[in-house]
Amino acid sequence: MKRRSIPNASSANATFLLALLLLVTISPSFLQHCLARRESHHRPPPGGLHHAPPPTPVTPPPPPASSATFSVLDYGAVGDGATDDTKASADKLQLAFAAAWSAACAGGASTVLVPASYVFLVGPIMFTGDSCEPNMAFQVDGTILAHAGSTAWRSGVVTQWLEFKNVRGLTIKGCGTIDGQGSQWWGGASFAGDVEMELDSDRIGTSYRPTAVRVFQGANVTVTGITIRNSARFHLTFDTCRAVEVHDVAVSSPGDSPNTDGIHLAGSVGVSIHHTTIACGDDCISIQDGCSDLFIRSVRCGPGHGISIGGLGKGGASAVVSGVTVQDVTLNQTMTGLRIKTWQGGSGSVKSVRFSDVQMSAVKTAIVIDQYYCDHTTCTNQTSAVAVAGVAYQGVAGTYTERPVYLACSDAAPCSGIHLADILLAPVKDSGRHLQGPFCWKAYGDEVRPVEPPVDCLSAGAP
């Protein structure tokens, strides 16, 4: 047996004190609760859909030795679910959450703690990293509720609730919940079945509603463990970010909540999203202009609109998306499965996209490329379009309720390099919908069988 070296006395004492501190500050029951809640995110969906096994619980790396924890309770937050915790107590005029953040920034590589067993009612807050050292952490173990009665929401200016701006090495983590209380906003939209649910936010009047959590101009960002639910609009947004990882996160809102994208990516590069469960009223993951080097795997989506690239090119804008990999995902009762949507009149490109090992159950339309995206009953045809090239679908299986494949490409910029391989899609029996076969227009590529049903409308070769 290999002998172990014996540490000196001072090292042993330090180790003992550290272990004692951890035992005092972190109760075993709370840790078990966190792990149990995280495991529940990865239980197989009903119906026996394939899904990756639950991941080994992730232990985040220890913070730097100089780190400290700043609880919002120490800066005037009450946490009773009724007191407005954006206002500190009478003898402290600063905002409670903002004051804790400022103090943590001054401490360097520190943690702002939203403690367990408390409910904090807060309005819109911006956490800026301009004066912060890298590697800040925002730990949510309790519950944060959006203030339902704040007049600030109605100003038309505030479109974010919790915003983190220009923070390097940010970690948002914990076992707690961020609740946008969005039902107060959803009632203002009217719906006319699935057609209305496909419309953009501007069309149904949701663009003024606050996003629950937004990270803007961040670098080396991690979001893990938390639950975000019932956002008024998008749940989690990354805008102009670099090097992002999202894992073991749960997003939850009703399937009829308008424009409540689960994770929304814009102008962000180097993003990994994995082992995450998303249920919402719009795209589970939305990929917008300026995104590249994206890796999405082991994600469960439903209800929602599936995983979407776009809409791109609205109002004649130029848009570029490239290097997107989506694998080992499940989609359950979503409006679309894997979708690329672009507006007529735009320019730019979508290229180097790969979807693989995808399981679907009762998805309305499984595979979609739509270069005629329109938010009205009819739209005027235009000649220019965002080009779509080099899109591969491999190992896509499951059931649909209306159509298996819909490839509507531009006359001026036909789709090229579409690759279909090992596609096994079957209609749901007695779905109540009128079943339709594959549709193609100006779509070029190839099939490697089995492809069921056969997409005979796909044109061989190049445009």
Foldseek 3Di string as FASTA:
>chain_A
DDDDDDDDPVVVVVVVVVVVVCPVPDPPVLVVVLVVVLQVLQDDDPPPWDFDHRDDDDDDDDFPPQEEEQELVVQAFDQAQPDAQLAHDPVHGHRSQQVSLVVRQVSALYEYEHDAPGEHEYFADERECPSGHANYEYEYAYEYEYHPPDCVLVPLPAAARYEYEQHENYEYYYQYEYEDQQPVQQVQFDDDPPLLLQADCVLRPQRSHHEYYEYEAYENYEYASYEYENRNAEHYEYELYEAYEYASYEYYDALCRHRHADYEYYLYENYEYAHYEYEDNEEVYEAEFNYAQYEYARYEYDAYAEHEYDQYCPPQEEGEYEHAEYERYEYEQYQEHYEYEYDANYEAEYAHYEYAQYEYEAHAEYEYYYFHDDNDPDDDHHQHTHAYEHYEYENYEYEYAAEHAEAEAGPNHAYYAYEAENAYYYYDPPSVDHHDYHYHDSAEHDYDDPHPPDNVVHHYDGD
